[in-house]
Amino acid sequence: MRKPLAALLICLPVSAFAAAPQTAVLDIQNMTCSMCSITIHKALEKVPGVIEATVDYDHKTATVKYDADKTSPSALVKATTNAGFPSTLHGGGQK
């Protein structure tokens, strides 16, 4: 009983220092069909630190939840651009 309790107490402070996930919305260019969404989604998921990516073909956007300690909005933009779909931060900022 003591070892699991001690392990739990040791792990608690570490999780308290973890950064809260951030969300970025990207405006995506060159999306001509719904299959483009799959390519963009895969490109974003390959970026270390991405927790979740959702691509909306109708609105030509991608919403990405990420760990700010591991990646940045500029890395997300670079990933979509390298996949053939240049993007910019929606509204010029982050959510």
Protein backbone atom coordinates (compact mmCIF):
# COMPACT_ATOMS: atom_id res chain seq x y z
CA MET A 1 0.00 0.00 0.00
CA ARG A 2 2.84 2.41 0.76
CA LYS A 3 4.64 1.96 -2.57
CA PRO A 4 1.63 2.79 -4.77
CA LEU A 5 0.83 5.77 -2.57
CA ALA A 6 4.42 7.00 -2.72
CA ALA A 7 4.47 6.58 -6.51
CA LEU A 8 1.25 8.55 -6.80
CA LEU A 9 2.60 11.37 -4.67
CA ILE A 10 5.79 11.53 -6.71
CA CYS A 11 3.85 11.74 -10.00
CA LEU A 12 1.44 14.45 -8.88
CA PRO A 13 3.90 17.36 -8.90
CA VAL A 14 5.14 16.41 -12.38
CA SER A 15 1.64 16.63 -13.85
CA ALA A 16 1.10 19.98 -12.16
CA PHE A 17 3.99 21.46 -14.16
CA ALA A 18 2.77 20.14 -17.51
CA ALA A 19 1.58 22.90 -19.82
CA ALA A 20 -2.10 23.02 -20.65
CA PRO A 21 -2.80 22.03 -24.25
CA GLN A 22 -3.09 24.93 -26.67
CA THR A 23 -5.40 25.18 -29.67
CA ALA A 24 -4.57 26.74 -33.03
CA VAL A 25 -6.96 27.23 -35.93
CA LEU A 26 -5.33 27.28 -39.35
CA ASP A 27 -6.82 28.65 -42.56
CA ILE A 28 -5.85 26.15 -45.26
CA GLN A 29 -5.31 26.95 -48.94
CA ASN A 30 -5.48 24.65 -51.99
CA MET A 31 -8.16 22.32 -50.58
CA THR A 32 -10.02 21.22 -53.70
CA CYS A 33 -11.67 18.02 -52.51
CA SER A 34 -12.55 16.18 -49.32
CA MET A 35 -9.56 13.84 -49.82
CA CYS A 36 -7.27 16.82 -49.20
CA SER A 37 -8.49 16.74 -45.60
CA ILE A 38 -6.92 13.33 -45.11
CA THR A 39 -3.52 14.49 -46.34
CA ILE A 40 -3.61 17.57 -44.11
CA HIS A 41 -4.75 15.53 -41.11
CA LYS A 42 -1.90 13.04 -41.56
CA ALA A 43 0.66 15.83 -41.97
CA LEU A 44 -0.47 17.50 -38.75
CA GLU A 45 -0.56 14.25 -36.77
CA LYS A 46 3.09 13.62 -37.66
CA VAL A 47 4.17 16.81 -35.87
CA PRO A 48 5.56 15.90 -32.42
CA GLY A 49 3.35 17.41 -29.74
CA VAL A 50 0.10 17.36 -31.70
CA ILE A 51 -2.61 15.88 -29.50
CA GLU A 52 -5.55 16.14 -31.88
CA ALA A 53 -6.18 17.55 -35.36
CA THR A 54 -9.52 18.13 -37.05
CA VAL A 55 -9.77 19.32 -40.64
CA ASP A 56 -12.94 20.99 -41.92
CA TYR A 57 -13.13 20.88 -45.72
CA ASP A 58 -16.24 23.09 -45.91
CA HIS A 59 -14.62 25.94 -43.96
CA LYS A 60 -11.07 25.23 -45.22
CA THR A 61 -9.70 25.16 -41.68
CA ALA A 62 -7.81 22.85 -39.37
CA THR A 63 -8.20 22.95 -35.59
CA VAL A 64 -5.18 21.55 -33.80
CA LYS A 65 -4.77 20.83 -30.10
CA TYR A 66 -1.06 20.66 -29.25
CA ASP A 67 1.48 20.64 -26.44
CA ALA A 68 3.17 24.05 -26.50
CA ASP A 69 6.30 22.56 -24.90
CA LYS A 70 6.78 20.28 -27.93
CA THR A 71 5.56 22.28 -30.93
CA SER A 72 4.35 25.69 -32.06
CA PRO A 73 1.84 27.17 -34.49
CA SER A 74 4.67 27.89 -36.93
CA ALA A 75 5.56 24.18 -36.97
CA LEU A 76 1.93 23.35 -37.73
CA VAL A 77 1.88 25.86 -40.61
CA LYS A 78 5.14 24.40 -41.91
CA ALA A 79 3.70 20.86 -41.82
CA THR A 80 0.64 21.76 -43.91
CA THR A 81 2.73 23.85 -46.31
CA ASN A 82 5.19 20.98 -46.81
CA ALA A 83 2.23 18.72 -47.58
CA GLY A 84 1.17 21.10 -50.38
CA PHE A 85 -1.44 23.07 -48.45
CA PRO A 86 -0.12 26.47 -47.34
CA SER A 87 -1.82 27.74 -44.21
CA THR A 88 -1.93 30.71 -41.90
CA LEU A 89 -3.13 31.17 -38.34
CA HIS A 90 -6.81 32.03 -38.36
CA GLY A 91 -7.21 35.68 -37.48
CA GLY A 92 -3.44 35.98 -37.12
CA GLY A 93 -3.45 34.46 -33.63
CA GLN A 94 -4.15 31.47 -31.42
CA LYS A 95 -7.20 30.32 -29.52
